[in-house]
Amino acid sequence: MATTTSVTTTYAGENSGKWISAALLSGVTLSNELITIMPNVKYKSVVSNLVSASGLADASCDFTATGAVTLTERILEPKSLQVNKQLCKADFRDTFQAIEMGYSAHDVLPKSFADYLLAHQAEQVAADIESHIWNGDAGNSGEFDGFMTLLTTDAALPAAQEVAGTTLTAANIITEMGKVADAIPSRLYGKEGLRIYVSQNAMRLYVRALGGFGTSGLGANGVDNKGTMWYQGGDLMFDGIPVVVANGLTADQMLATTKDNLFFGTGLLSDTNLCKLIDLAEIDGSENVRLIMRFTAGVQYGNVTDICTYGITNSAN
């Protein structure tokens, strides 16, 4: 489908010279390295998993083999994605930015608009990647399977680590997060990199509950008797486990595992924010300008038995 350009302007008064757009979902998962990033994946990468029983046994004079070593693997295959848009320079001749196009009949796209468009497009893609990392569906154009999507069909995810979700509130958030913490296998508790990943609404409700508006014995004024003024944006913990917000998780979703068990794969990481404008005037003589992005992206987890989910339904078990 061709790109639709809709220009709404009064073209009267004084131009501020600034561009604005709707706020976008921040791509915190990659920018804050909340998961393991695997660049330079051209086609596929194998995520190997080792399960080895300790084999500890009573000593004897003989060598007696005990225990078992099991090697499994999961395949991380980034999906090829692109952005293709086409603009006509003629659409900007009656806008405030027309003077930037020059007086020649051979127009150029207004520089202020071109610069802003490139940056905004990269931000839009970052926001999409953030969403797809957690809940993307490869069956949809422009998406790849996210962690939650993959987990909903993995029969190897232990049923005891699939916590049924509910509508979260400030009154129940601590109880519900406690269910996630309780479902974490004892072998993982205290392990470096263990985190509880929560959606935006879950983090807000947790902060509010700690401000004294929950029902978990925090008192009317919450942490340090500061009420809702207590939180200054620092790190949060739950039962000794770091809590991090993953903007790509939808409302009322949580996931617990270690950072080194979650992988994002791509060819060149810089490709995900490389956005180009190509003026076709020198190519086909037209007034068109094309915007392009091209990159690969995909996610995979290592050991599913080291993952706890909240708020999704596993159809495989």
C-alpha atoms as a PDB file:
ATOM      1  CA  MET A   1       0.000   0.000   0.000  1.00  0.00           C
ATOM      2  CA  ALA A   2       1.356   3.416  -0.938  1.00  0.00           C
ATOM      3  CA  THR A   3       2.397   5.854   1.764  1.00  0.00           C
ATOM      4  CA  THR A   4      -0.335   8.383   2.542  1.00  0.00           C
ATOM      5  CA  THR A   5       0.895  11.915   3.219  1.00  0.00           C
ATOM      6  CA  SER A   6      -1.565  14.169   5.009  1.00  0.00           C
ATOM      7  CA  VAL A   7      -0.403  17.759   5.462  1.00  0.00           C
ATOM      8  CA  THR A   8      -2.529  19.975   7.727  1.00  0.00           C
ATOM      9  CA  THR A   9      -1.291  23.545   8.071  1.00  0.00           C
ATOM     10  CA  THR A  10      -2.710  27.064   8.296  1.00  0.00           C
ATOM     11  CA  TYR A  11       0.357  28.486   6.543  1.00  0.00           C
ATOM     12  CA  ALA A  12      -0.329  31.792   8.323  1.00  0.00           C
ATOM     13  CA  GLY A  13       1.398  33.587  11.173  1.00  0.00           C
ATOM     14  CA  GLU A  14       4.900  32.865  12.451  1.00  0.00           C
ATOM     15  CA  ASN A  15       6.525  29.460  12.280  1.00  0.00           C
ATOM     16  CA  SER A  16       8.070  28.230  15.534  1.00  0.00           C
ATOM     17  CA  GLY A  17      10.547  26.066  13.614  1.00  0.00           C
ATOM     18  CA  LYS A  18       9.820  23.093  15.888  1.00  0.00           C
ATOM     19  CA  TRP A  19       8.249  19.732  15.192  1.00  0.00           C
ATOM     20  CA  ILE A  20       6.343  17.606  17.699  1.00  0.00           C
ATOM     21  CA  SER A  21       4.745  14.171  17.564  1.00  0.00           C
ATOM     22  CA  ALA A  22       2.917  11.784  19.855  1.00  0.00           C
ATOM     23  CA  ALA A  23       4.988  10.267  22.653  1.00  0.00           C
ATOM     24  CA  LEU A  24       6.276   6.787  21.877  1.00  0.00           C
ATOM     25  CA  LEU A  25       6.833   3.726  24.019  1.00  0.00           C
ATOM     26  CA  SER A  26      10.464   3.773  25.113  1.00  0.00           C
ATOM     27  CA  GLY A  27      12.597   0.828  23.992  1.00  0.00           C
ATOM     28  CA  VAL A  28      13.998   0.201  27.475  1.00  0.00           C
ATOM     29  CA  THR A  29      14.554  -3.540  27.090  1.00  0.00           C
ATOM     30  CA  LEU A  30      17.462  -3.075  24.699  1.00  0.00           C
ATOM     31  CA  SER A  31      18.668   0.379  25.739  1.00  0.00           C
ATOM     32  CA  ASN A  32      18.933  -0.726  29.386  1.00  0.00           C
ATOM     33  CA  GLU A  33      20.224  -4.200  28.412  1.00  0.00           C
ATOM     34  CA  LEU A  34      17.518  -5.960  30.407  1.00  0.00           C
ATOM     35  CA  ILE A  35      18.141  -9.077  28.307  1.00  0.00           C
ATOM     36  CA  THR A  36      21.195 -10.556  26.579  1.00  0.00           C
ATOM     37  CA  ILE A  37      21.881  -8.958  23.188  1.00  0.00           C
ATOM     38  CA  MET A  38      23.390 -11.170  20.490  1.00  0.00           C
ATOM     39  CA  PRO A  39      24.592  -9.125  17.494  1.00  0.00           C
ATOM     40  CA  ASN A  40      26.150 -10.468  14.276  1.00  0.00           C
ATOM     41  CA  VAL A  41      23.529 -13.183  13.756  1.00  0.00           C
ATOM     42  CA  LYS A  42      23.384 -13.465   9.964  1.00  0.00           C
ATOM     43  CA  TYR A  43      20.888 -16.315   9.690  1.00  0.00           C
ATOM     44  CA  LYS A  44      20.444 -18.480  12.777  1.00  0.00           C
ATOM     45  CA  SER A  45      22.140 -18.863  16.133  1.00  0.00           C
ATOM     46  CA  VAL A  46      21.947 -21.877  18.423  1.00  0.00           C
ATOM     47  CA  VAL A  47      21.209 -21.211  22.090  1.00  0.00           C
ATOM     48  CA  SER A  48      22.629 -24.279  23.846  1.00  0.00           C
ATOM     49  CA  ASN A  49      21.383 -25.496  27.190  1.00  0.00           C
ATOM     50  CA  LEU A  50      23.173 -27.909  29.520  1.00  0.00           C
ATOM     51  CA  VAL A  51      21.405 -29.917  32.207  1.00  0.00           C
ATOM     52  CA  SER A  52      23.771 -31.989  34.349  1.00  0.00           C
ATOM     53  CA  ALA A  53      22.962 -33.879  37.524  1.00  0.00           C
ATOM     54  CA  SER A  54      25.699 -33.521  40.143  1.00  0.00           C
ATOM     55  CA  GLY A  55      26.450 -37.265  40.190  1.00  0.00           C
ATOM     56  CA  LEU A  56      27.496 -37.108  43.842  1.00  0.00           C
ATOM     57  CA  ALA A  57      27.692 -40.609  45.343  1.00  0.00           C
ATOM     58  CA  ASP A  58      29.394 -42.577  48.112  1.00  0.00           C
ATOM     59  CA  ALA A  59      33.082 -43.134  47.450  1.00  0.00           C
ATOM     60  CA  SER A  60      34.467 -46.521  46.428  1.00  0.00           C
ATOM     61  CA  CYS A  61      37.705 -47.987  45.028  1.00  0.00           C
ATOM     62  CA  ASP A  62      36.207 -48.234  41.555  1.00  0.00           C
ATOM     63  CA  PHE A  63      35.170 -45.707  38.981  1.00  0.00           C
ATOM     64  CA  THR A  64      31.390 -45.822  38.807  1.00  0.00           C
ATOM     65  CA  ALA A  65      29.743 -43.441  36.402  1.00  0.00           C
ATOM     66  CA  THR A  66      26.729 -41.657  37.854  1.00  0.00           C
ATOM     67  CA  GLY A  67      24.447 -38.796  36.941  1.00  0.00           C
ATOM     68  CA  ALA A  68      23.377 -37.621  33.517  1.00  0.00           C
ATOM     69  CA  VAL A  69      24.353 -34.863  31.124  1.00  0.00           C
ATOM     70  CA  THR A  70      21.681 -33.556  28.778  1.00  0.00           C
ATOM     71  CA  LEU A  71      22.320 -31.062  26.002  1.00  0.00           C
ATOM     72  CA  THR A  72      19.427 -29.282  24.339  1.00  0.00           C
ATOM     73  CA  GLU A  73      19.214 -26.285  22.078  1.00  0.00           C
ATOM     74  CA  ARG A  74      16.849 -23.595  20.894  1.00  0.00           C
ATOM     75  CA  ILE A  75      17.217 -21.748  17.610  1.00  0.00           C
ATOM     76  CA  LEU A  76      17.294 -17.966  17.456  1.00  0.00           C
ATOM     77  CA  GLU A  77      16.391 -16.921  13.915  1.00  0.00           C
ATOM     78  CA  PRO A  78      16.041 -13.153  13.455  1.00  0.00           C
ATOM     79  CA  LYS A  79      13.336 -12.110  11.027  1.00  0.00           C
ATOM     80  CA  SER A  80      14.080  -9.715   8.170  1.00  0.00           C
ATOM     81  CA  LEU A  81      12.096  -6.498   8.558  1.00  0.00           C
ATOM     82  CA  GLN A  82      11.870  -3.213   6.685  1.00  0.00           C
ATOM     83  CA  VAL A  83      10.277   0.222   6.562  1.00  0.00           C
ATOM     84  CA  ASN A  84       9.474   1.710   3.137  1.00  0.00           C
ATOM     85  CA  LYS A  85       7.796   5.101   2.815  1.00  0.00           C
ATOM     86  CA  GLN A  86       7.544   7.509  -0.087  1.00  0.00           C
ATOM     87  CA  LEU A  87       6.876  11.249   0.131  1.00  0.00           C
ATOM     88  CA  CYS A  88       6.296  13.791  -2.627  1.00  0.00           C
ATOM     89  CA  LYS A  89       8.171  17.076  -2.201  1.00  0.00           C
ATOM     90  CA  ALA A  90       5.342  18.948  -3.904  1.00  0.00           C
ATOM     91  CA  ASP A  91       3.171  18.344  -0.816  1.00  0.00           C
ATOM     92  CA  PHE A  92       5.383  20.716   1.173  1.00  0.00           C
ATOM     93  CA  ARG A  93       5.325  23.738  -1.135  1.00  0.00           C
ATOM     94  CA  ASP A  94       2.446  25.401   0.718  1.00  0.00           C
ATOM     95  CA  THR A  95       3.772  24.788   4.228  1.00  0.00           C
ATOM     96  CA  PHE A  96       5.848  26.943   6.563  1.00  0.00           C
ATOM     97  CA  GLN A  97       8.926  24.929   5.563  1.00  0.00           C
ATOM     98  CA  ALA A  98       8.632  25.810   1.855  1.00  0.00           C
ATOM     99  CA  ILE A  99      11.446  28.380   2.105  1.00  0.00           C
ATOM    100  CA  GLU A 100      13.811  25.544   3.085  1.00  0.00           C
ATOM    101  CA  MET A 101      13.102  23.877  -0.261  1.00  0.00           C
ATOM    102  CA  GLY A 102      14.865  26.644  -2.183  1.00  0.00           C
ATOM    103  CA  TYR A 103      13.570  28.758  -5.060  1.00  0.00           C
ATOM    104  CA  SER A 104      14.520  26.359  -7.828  1.00  0.00           C
ATOM    105  CA  ALA A 105      11.890  24.179  -9.458  1.00  0.00           C
ATOM    106  CA  HIS A 106      14.129  21.287  -8.447  1.00  0.00           C
ATOM    107  CA  ASP A 107      12.898  21.041  -4.872  1.00  0.00           C
ATOM    108  CA  VAL A 108      14.549  19.424  -1.894  1.00  0.00           C
ATOM    109  CA  LEU A 109      12.707  18.128   1.147  1.00  0.00           C
ATOM    110  CA  PRO A 110      12.691  20.766   3.950  1.00  0.00           C
ATOM    111  CA  LYS A 111      15.770  20.019   6.063  1.00  0.00           C
ATOM    112  CA  SER A 112      14.117  20.595   9.432  1.00  0.00           C
ATOM    113  CA  PHE A 113      11.349  18.177   8.489  1.00  0.00           C
ATOM    114  CA  ALA A 114      13.766  15.616   7.018  1.00  0.00           C
ATOM    115  CA  ASP A 115      15.943  15.608  10.146  1.00  0.00           C
ATOM    116  CA  TYR A 116      12.940  15.252  12.423  1.00  0.00           C
ATOM    117  CA  LEU A 117      11.367  12.552  10.257  1.00  0.00           C
ATOM    118  CA  LEU A 118      14.520  10.413  10.390  1.00  0.00           C
ATOM    119  CA  ALA A 119      14.772  10.651  14.170  1.00  0.00           C
ATOM    120  CA  HIS A 120      11.063  10.075  14.692  1.00  0.00           C
ATOM    121  CA  GLN A 121      11.006   7.057  12.404  1.00  0.00           C
ATOM    122  CA  ALA A 122      13.893   5.465  14.316  1.00  0.00           C
ATOM    123  CA  GLU A 123      12.009   6.076  17.574  1.00  0.00           C
ATOM    124  CA  GLN A 124       8.877   4.507  16.142  1.00  0.00           C
ATOM    125  CA  VAL A 125      10.785   1.378  15.168  1.00  0.00           C
ATOM    126  CA  ALA A 126      12.408   1.210  18.618  1.00  0.00           C
ATOM    127  CA  ALA A 127       8.938   1.347  20.177  1.00  0.00           C
ATOM    128  CA  ASP A 128       7.701  -1.428  17.891  1.00  0.00           C
ATOM    129  CA  ILE A 129      10.716  -3.606  18.690  1.00  0.00           C
ATOM    130  CA  GLU A 130      10.089  -3.079  22.410  1.00  0.00           C
ATOM    131  CA  SER A 131       6.531  -4.378  22.026  1.00  0.00           C
ATOM    132  CA  HIS A 132       7.513  -7.280  19.769  1.00  0.00           C
ATOM    133  CA  ILE A 133      10.322  -8.477  22.072  1.00  0.00           C
ATOM    134  CA  TRP A 134       7.684  -9.431  24.614  1.00  0.00           C
ATOM    135  CA  ASN A 135       4.403  -9.935  22.772  1.00  0.00           C
ATOM    136  CA  GLY A 136       5.148  -9.925  19.047  1.00  0.00           C
ATOM    137  CA  ASP A 137       3.519 -12.429  16.702  1.00  0.00           C
ATOM    138  CA  ALA A 138       5.510 -13.541  13.647  1.00  0.00           C
ATOM    139  CA  GLY A 139       2.212 -14.262  11.913  1.00  0.00           C
ATOM    140  CA  ASN A 140       1.664 -10.505  11.675  1.00  0.00           C
ATOM    141  CA  SER A 141       3.562  -8.462   9.102  1.00  0.00           C
ATOM    142  CA  GLY A 142       6.406  -6.494  10.663  1.00  0.00           C
ATOM    143  CA  GLU A 143       6.523  -8.593  13.841  1.00  0.00           C
ATOM    144  CA  PHE A 144       8.537 -11.481  15.244  1.00  0.00           C
ATOM    145  CA  ASP A 145       7.507 -13.906  17.982  1.00  0.00           C
ATOM    146  CA  GLY A 146       8.068 -12.374  21.419  1.00  0.00           C
ATOM    147  CA  PHE A 147       8.919 -14.169  24.646  1.00  0.00           C
ATOM    148  CA  MET A 148       5.313 -14.339  25.861  1.00  0.00           C
ATOM    149  CA  THR A 149       4.159 -15.621  22.470  1.00  0.00           C
ATOM    150  CA  LEU A 150       6.803 -18.360  22.468  1.00  0.00           C
ATOM    151  CA  LEU A 151       5.969 -19.361  26.040  1.00  0.00           C
ATOM    152  CA  THR A 152       2.256 -19.790  25.342  1.00  0.00           C
ATOM    153  CA  THR A 153       3.020 -22.824  23.176  1.00  0.00           C
ATOM    154  CA  ASP A 154       5.935 -24.389  25.076  1.00  0.00           C
ATOM    155  CA  ALA A 155       4.824 -27.634  26.698  1.00  0.00           C
ATOM    156  CA  ALA A 156       8.100 -27.820  28.652  1.00  0.00           C
ATOM    157  CA  LEU A 157       7.202 -24.798  30.797  1.00  0.00           C
ATOM    158  CA  PRO A 158       6.445 -26.293  34.240  1.00  0.00           C
ATOM    159  CA  ALA A 159       2.799 -25.823  35.160  1.00  0.00           C
ATOM    160  CA  ALA A 160       3.779 -24.754  38.681  1.00  0.00           C
ATOM    161  CA  GLN A 161       5.658 -21.806  37.156  1.00  0.00           C
ATOM    162  CA  GLU A 162       2.664 -20.558  35.165  1.00  0.00           C
ATOM    163  CA  VAL A 163       0.927 -18.155  37.530  1.00  0.00           C
ATOM    164  CA  ALA A 164      -2.633 -17.291  36.569  1.00  0.00           C
ATOM    165  CA  GLY A 165      -3.119 -13.570  36.200  1.00  0.00           C
ATOM    166  CA  THR A 166      -5.808 -11.198  37.354  1.00  0.00           C
ATOM    167  CA  THR A 167      -6.581  -7.511  37.016  1.00  0.00           C
ATOM    168  CA  LEU A 168      -3.880  -5.865  39.101  1.00  0.00           C
ATOM    169  CA  THR A 169      -4.635  -3.123  41.611  1.00  0.00           C
ATOM    170  CA  ALA A 170      -2.692  -1.321  44.329  1.00  0.00           C
ATOM    171  CA  ALA A 171      -4.525  -3.523  46.824  1.00  0.00           C
ATOM    172  CA  ASN A 172      -3.463  -6.861  45.289  1.00  0.00           C
ATOM    173  CA  ILE A 173      -0.170  -6.126  43.525  1.00  0.00           C
ATOM    174  CA  ILE A 174       2.041  -7.254  46.414  1.00  0.00           C
ATOM    175  CA  THR A 175       0.090 -10.493  46.787  1.00  0.00           C
ATOM    176  CA  GLU A 176       0.278 -11.179  43.049  1.00  0.00           C
ATOM    177  CA  MET A 177       3.995 -10.387  42.824  1.00  0.00           C
ATOM    178  CA  GLY A 178       4.436 -12.704  45.799  1.00  0.00           C
ATOM    179  CA  LYS A 179       2.899 -15.514  43.745  1.00  0.00           C
ATOM    180  CA  VAL A 180       5.539 -14.957  41.061  1.00  0.00           C
ATOM    181  CA  ALA A 181       8.352 -14.881  43.614  1.00  0.00           C
ATOM    182  CA  ASP A 182       7.048 -18.088  45.220  1.00  0.00           C
ATOM    183  CA  ALA A 183       6.959 -19.845  41.836  1.00  0.00           C
ATOM    184  CA  ILE A 184      10.638 -19.158  41.141  1.00  0.00           C
ATOM    185  CA  PRO A 185      12.625 -22.404  41.537  1.00  0.00           C
ATOM    186  CA  SER A 186      14.862 -22.432  44.606  1.00  0.00           C
ATOM    187  CA  ARG A 187      17.930 -22.997  42.408  1.00  0.00           C
ATOM    188  CA  LEU A 188      17.385 -19.555  40.887  1.00  0.00           C
ATOM    189  CA  TYR A 189      16.669 -17.542  44.020  1.00  0.00           C
ATOM    190  CA  GLY A 190      19.664 -15.362  44.804  1.00  0.00           C
ATOM    191  CA  LYS A 191      21.294 -16.083  41.456  1.00  0.00           C
ATOM    192  CA  GLU A 192      22.972 -13.127  39.779  1.00  0.00           C
ATOM    193  CA  GLY A 193      20.818 -11.678  37.033  1.00  0.00           C
ATOM    194  CA  LEU A 194      17.504 -12.919  38.431  1.00  0.00           C
ATOM    195  CA  ARG A 195      14.789 -10.349  37.835  1.00  0.00           C
ATOM    196  CA  ILE A 196      11.057  -9.923  37.903  1.00  0.00           C
ATOM    197  CA  TYR A 197      10.043  -8.184  34.677  1.00  0.00           C
ATOM    198  CA  VAL A 198       6.768  -6.310  35.065  1.00  0.00           C
ATOM    199  CA  SER A 199       4.458  -4.272  32.847  1.00  0.00           C
ATOM    200  CA  GLN A 200       4.129  -0.524  33.255  1.00  0.00           C
ATOM    201  CA  ASN A 201       0.862  -0.744  35.146  1.00  0.00           C
ATOM    202  CA  ALA A 202       2.282  -3.364  37.523  1.00  0.00           C
ATOM    203  CA  MET A 203       5.241  -1.113  38.354  1.00  0.00           C
ATOM    204  CA  ARG A 204       2.999   1.899  38.953  1.00  0.00           C
ATOM    205  CA  LEU A 205       0.728  -0.106  41.224  1.00  0.00           C
ATOM    206  CA  TYR A 206       3.698  -1.526  43.142  1.00  0.00           C
ATOM    207  CA  VAL A 207       5.060   1.982  43.729  1.00  0.00           C
ATOM    208  CA  ARG A 208       1.618   3.138  44.844  1.00  0.00           C
ATOM    209  CA  ALA A 209       1.199   0.194  47.185  1.00  0.00           C
ATOM    210  CA  LEU A 210       4.568   0.918  48.809  1.00  0.00           C
ATOM    211  CA  GLY A 211       3.391   4.491  49.251  1.00  0.00           C
ATOM    212  CA  GLY A 212       0.874   3.243  51.791  1.00  0.00           C
ATOM    213  CA  PHE A 213      -2.211   2.601  49.716  1.00  0.00           C
ATOM    214  CA  GLY A 214      -1.982  -1.181  49.643  1.00  0.00           C
ATOM    215  CA  THR A 215      -3.313  -3.643  52.202  1.00  0.00           C
ATOM    216  CA  SER A 216      -0.037  -5.312  53.138  1.00  0.00           C
ATOM    217  CA  GLY A 217       0.701  -3.699  56.500  1.00  0.00           C
ATOM    218  CA  LEU A 218       2.692  -0.784  55.092  1.00  0.00           C
ATOM    219  CA  GLY A 219       0.782   1.781  57.077  1.00  0.00           C
ATOM    220  CA  ALA A 220      -1.130   4.768  55.799  1.00  0.00           C
ATOM    221  CA  ASN A 221       1.985   6.691  54.790  1.00  0.00           C
ATOM    222  CA  GLY A 222       4.044   3.876  53.305  1.00  0.00           C
ATOM    223  CA  VAL A 223       7.834   3.844  52.974  1.00  0.00           C
ATOM    224  CA  ASP A 224       9.526   6.302  55.343  1.00  0.00           C
ATOM    225  CA  ASN A 225       6.089   7.821  56.021  1.00  0.00           C
ATOM    226  CA  LYS A 226       6.371   9.743  52.735  1.00  0.00           C
ATOM    227  CA  GLY A 227       3.218   8.475  51.045  1.00  0.00           C
ATOM    228  CA  THR A 228       3.295   8.803  47.256  1.00  0.00           C
ATOM    229  CA  MET A 229       6.304  11.136  47.522  1.00  0.00           C
ATOM    230  CA  TRP A 230       8.619   8.326  48.598  1.00  0.00           C
ATOM    231  CA  TYR A 231       9.646   7.088  45.144  1.00  0.00           C
ATOM    232  CA  GLN A 232      12.333   9.035  43.271  1.00  0.00           C
ATOM    233  CA  GLY A 233      12.843   6.676  40.349  1.00  0.00           C
ATOM    234  CA  GLY A 234      15.501   4.416  41.849  1.00  0.00           C
ATOM    235  CA  ASP A 235      15.836   0.636  41.768  1.00  0.00           C
ATOM    236  CA  LEU A 236      13.102  -1.495  43.310  1.00  0.00           C
ATOM    237  CA  MET A 237      13.258  -4.954  44.870  1.00  0.00           C
ATOM    238  CA  PHE A 238      10.703  -7.571  45.837  1.00  0.00           C
ATOM    239  CA  ASP A 239      11.732 -10.215  48.355  1.00  0.00           C
ATOM    240  CA  GLY A 240      15.352  -9.506  47.451  1.00  0.00           C
ATOM    241  CA  ILE A 241      14.718  -9.804  43.694  1.00  0.00           C
ATOM    242  CA  PRO A 242      15.268  -6.765  41.424  1.00  0.00           C
ATOM    243  CA  VAL A 243      12.080  -5.538  39.759  1.00  0.00           C
ATOM    244  CA  VAL A 244      12.393  -3.966  36.301  1.00  0.00           C
ATOM    245  CA  VAL A 245       9.727  -2.542  34.040  1.00  0.00           C
ATOM    246  CA  ALA A 246       9.599  -3.906  30.485  1.00  0.00           C
ATOM    247  CA  ASN A 247       7.451  -1.552  28.449  1.00  0.00           C
ATOM    248  CA  GLY A 248       6.689  -4.246  25.889  1.00  0.00           C
ATOM    249  CA  LEU A 249       4.790  -6.336  28.430  1.00  0.00           C
ATOM    250  CA  THR A 250       1.072  -5.689  28.222  1.00  0.00           C
ATOM    251  CA  ALA A 251      -0.997  -4.691  31.250  1.00  0.00           C
ATOM    252  CA  ASP A 252      -1.106  -7.278  34.054  1.00  0.00           C
ATOM    253  CA  GLN A 253       1.809  -9.341  32.717  1.00  0.00           C
ATOM    254  CA  MET A 254       4.969 -10.381  34.580  1.00  0.00           C
ATOM    255  CA  LEU A 255       7.870 -12.737  33.941  1.00  0.00           C
ATOM    256  CA  ALA A 256      10.699 -13.920  36.172  1.00  0.00           C
ATOM    257  CA  THR A 257      14.010 -15.371  35.018  1.00  0.00           C
ATOM    258  CA  THR A 258      17.679 -14.448  34.707  1.00  0.00           C
ATOM    259  CA  LYS A 259      18.963 -11.922  32.190  1.00  0.00           C
ATOM    260  CA  ASP A 260      21.283 -14.504  30.624  1.00  0.00           C
ATOM    261  CA  ASN A 261      18.295 -16.732  29.831  1.00  0.00           C
ATOM    262  CA  LEU A 262      16.672 -14.195  27.477  1.00  0.00           C
ATOM    263  CA  PHE A 263      18.256 -13.355  24.110  1.00  0.00           C
ATOM    264  CA  PHE A 264      17.692 -10.727  21.430  1.00  0.00           C
ATOM    265  CA  GLY A 265      19.376 -11.466  18.117  1.00  0.00           C
ATOM    266  CA  THR A 266      20.092  -9.208  15.153  1.00  0.00           C
ATOM    267  CA  GLY A 267      22.621  -8.728  12.382  1.00  0.00           C
ATOM    268  CA  LEU A 268      24.070  -5.329  13.214  1.00  0.00           C
ATOM    269  CA  LEU A 269      22.525  -3.619  16.221  1.00  0.00           C
ATOM    270  CA  SER A 270      23.053  -0.251  14.529  1.00  0.00           C
ATOM    271  CA  ASP A 271      20.745  -1.345  11.683  1.00  0.00           C
ATOM    272  CA  THR A 272      17.750  -0.985  13.999  1.00  0.00           C
ATOM    273  CA  ASN A 273      18.235   2.786  14.148  1.00  0.00           C
ATOM    274  CA  LEU A 274      19.747   3.395  10.707  1.00  0.00           C
ATOM    275  CA  CYS A 275      17.183   5.339   8.697  1.00  0.00           C
ATOM    276  CA  LYS A 276      17.883   6.708   5.200  1.00  0.00           C
ATOM    277  CA  LEU A 277      16.224   9.253   2.911  1.00  0.00           C
ATOM    278  CA  ILE A 278      16.763   8.768  -0.829  1.00  0.00           C
ATOM    279  CA  ASP A 279      15.862  11.626  -3.190  1.00  0.00           C
ATOM    280  CA  LEU A 280      14.696  10.077  -6.477  1.00  0.00           C
ATOM    281  CA  ALA A 281      15.165  13.277  -8.504  1.00  0.00           C
ATOM    282  CA  GLU A 282      18.606  12.166  -9.676  1.00  0.00           C
ATOM    283  CA  ILE A 283      17.399   8.609 -10.308  1.00  0.00           C
ATOM    284  CA  ASP A 284      14.093   8.876 -12.157  1.00  0.00           C
ATOM    285  CA  GLY A 285      13.476  12.633 -12.289  1.00  0.00           C
ATOM    286  CA  SER A 286      10.474  12.439  -9.987  1.00  0.00           C
ATOM    287  CA  GLU A 287       9.581  14.638  -7.004  1.00  0.00           C
ATOM    288  CA  ASN A 288       9.566  11.630  -4.685  1.00  0.00           C
ATOM    289  CA  VAL A 289      11.706  10.972  -1.617  1.00  0.00           C
ATOM    290  CA  ARG A 290      11.909   7.484  -0.167  1.00  0.00           C
ATOM    291  CA  LEU A 291      12.530   6.603   3.465  1.00  0.00           C
ATOM    292  CA  ILE A 292      13.984   3.166   4.118  1.00  0.00           C
ATOM    293  CA  MET A 293      15.035   1.015   7.042  1.00  0.00           C
ATOM    294  CA  ARG A 294      16.138  -2.603   6.863  1.00  0.00           C
ATOM    295  CA  PHE A 295      17.238  -4.854   9.729  1.00  0.00           C
ATOM    296  CA  THR A 296      16.734  -8.238  11.366  1.00  0.00           C
ATOM    297  CA  ALA A 297      15.369  -8.982  14.825  1.00  0.00           C
ATOM    298  CA  GLY A 298      14.233 -11.923  16.910  1.00  0.00           C
ATOM    299  CA  VAL A 299      14.219 -13.314  20.442  1.00  0.00           C
ATOM    300  CA  GLN A 300      14.657 -16.677  22.117  1.00  0.00           C
ATOM    301  CA  TYR A 301      15.068 -18.028  25.625  1.00  0.00           C
ATOM    302  CA  GLY A 302      17.487 -20.707  26.777  1.00  0.00           C
ATOM    303  CA  ASN A 303      16.048 -22.898  29.533  1.00  0.00           C
ATOM    304  CA  VAL A 304      12.271 -22.716  29.816  1.00  0.00           C
ATOM    305  CA  THR A 305      12.341 -24.434  33.217  1.00  0.00           C
ATOM    306  CA  ASP A 306      14.082 -21.318  34.563  1.00  0.00           C
ATOM    307  CA  ILE A 307      11.148 -19.070  33.635  1.00  0.00           C
ATOM    308  CA  CYS A 308       8.023 -18.098  35.577  1.00  0.00           C
ATOM    309  CA  THR A 309       5.150 -16.396  33.791  1.00  0.00           C
ATOM    310  CA  TYR A 310       2.212 -14.354  35.022  1.00  0.00           C
ATOM    311  CA  GLY A 311      -0.862 -13.375  33.061  1.00  0.00           C
ATOM    312  CA  ILE A 312      -0.569 -15.632  29.991  1.00  0.00           C
ATOM    313  CA  THR A 313      -2.241 -18.922  29.075  1.00  0.00           C
ATOM    314  CA  ASN A 314      -0.092 -21.810  27.899  1.00  0.00           C
ATOM    315  CA  SER A 315      -2.137 -23.756  25.393  1.00  0.00           C
ATOM    316  CA  ALA A 316       0.451 -26.557  25.256  1.00  0.00           C
ATOM    317  CA  ASN A 317      -0.065 -27.901  28.786  1.00  0.00           C
END
